[in-house]
């Protein structure tokens, strides 16, 4: 019985960790070089999800600042 509980616990932890690293549906990660190429594309929207203070210190012009905690409230 202990062995079953241990395996359930291990599988639960593995599932939790894997879910943290799997990309969110509809969100893609790109390299800095790929981002630079997309800066010229007017149909691409760049969003910087840092806090306003972090954004103010260092940001790039094509990025719009929408703090991560505000994303669910934004309309498409």
Protein backbone atom coordinates (compact mmCIF):
# COMPACT_ATOMS: atom_id res chain seq x y z
CA UNK A 1 0.00 0.00 0.00
CA UNK A 2 2.86 2.38 0.81
CA UNK A 3 4.38 1.71 -2.59
CA UNK A 4 1.16 2.74 -4.33
CA UNK A 5 0.97 5.97 -2.31
CA UNK A 6 4.59 6.76 -3.17
CA UNK A 7 3.96 6.24 -6.90
CA UNK A 8 0.81 8.36 -6.82
CA UNK A 9 2.79 11.08 -5.05
CA UNK A 10 5.67 10.89 -7.57
CA UNK A 11 3.28 10.96 -10.54
CA UNK A 12 1.44 13.94 -9.01
CA UNK A 13 4.66 15.90 -8.58
CA UNK A 14 5.82 15.03 -12.12
CA UNK A 15 2.47 16.15 -13.56
CA UNK A 16 2.63 19.44 -11.64
CA UNK A 17 6.21 20.19 -12.80
CA UNK A 18 5.47 19.30 -16.43
CA UNK A 19 2.41 21.55 -16.50
CA UNK A 20 4.57 24.49 -15.40
CA UNK A 21 6.93 24.06 -18.37
CA UNK A 22 4.49 23.25 -21.17
CA UNK A 23 3.71 26.42 -23.18
CA UNK A 24 0.24 27.91 -22.87
CA UNK A 25 -2.01 27.29 -25.86
CA UNK A 26 -1.83 30.19 -28.31
CA UNK A 27 1.42 31.57 -26.89
CA UNK A 28 4.67 30.98 -28.70
CA UNK A 29 8.21 31.59 -27.62
CA UNK A 30 10.63 32.99 -30.17
CA UNK A 31 14.30 33.88 -30.14
CA UNK A 32 15.59 37.45 -30.02
CA UNK A 33 16.62 37.18 -33.68
CA UNK A 34 13.12 36.07 -34.70
CA UNK A 35 11.62 38.94 -32.68
CA UNK A 36 13.85 41.48 -34.43
CA UNK A 37 12.65 40.18 -37.80
CA UNK A 38 9.01 40.58 -36.70
CA UNK A 39 9.49 44.22 -35.57
CA UNK A 40 8.84 45.32 -39.16
CA UNK A 41 5.57 43.36 -39.39
CA UNK A 42 2.63 45.69 -38.62
CA UNK A 43 0.26 42.74 -38.00
CA UNK A 44 2.25 41.50 -34.99
CA UNK A 45 1.57 42.83 -31.50
CA UNK A 46 4.33 42.69 -28.90
CA UNK A 47 3.30 42.65 -25.24
CA UNK A 48 5.67 43.21 -22.32
CA UNK A 49 4.09 41.67 -19.20
CA UNK A 50 6.46 43.19 -16.64
CA UNK A 51 5.27 45.69 -14.06
CA UNK A 52 5.05 49.34 -15.18
CA UNK A 53 8.15 50.18 -13.11
CA UNK A 54 10.21 47.42 -14.74
CA UNK A 55 8.93 48.45 -18.17
CA UNK A 56 9.88 52.09 -17.60
CA UNK A 57 13.48 51.21 -16.75
CA UNK A 58 14.13 49.30 -19.97
CA UNK A 59 11.81 48.68 -22.90
CA UNK A 60 11.67 48.56 -26.68
CA UNK A 61 9.41 50.79 -28.72
CA UNK A 62 7.18 48.17 -30.43
CA UNK A 63 6.23 46.58 -27.10
CA UNK A 64 3.00 47.50 -25.32
CA UNK A 65 3.07 47.19 -21.53
CA UNK A 66 0.24 45.10 -20.10
CA UNK A 67 1.22 43.78 -16.66
CA UNK A 68 0.68 40.05 -16.30
CA UNK A 69 -1.99 40.48 -13.63
CA UNK A 70 -4.05 42.62 -16.06
CA UNK A 71 -3.96 40.21 -19.02
CA UNK A 72 -7.15 38.32 -18.13
CA UNK A 73 -9.04 41.65 -18.05
CA UNK A 74 -7.88 42.75 -21.53
CA UNK A 75 -10.27 42.36 -24.43
CA UNK A 76 -9.06 40.88 -27.69
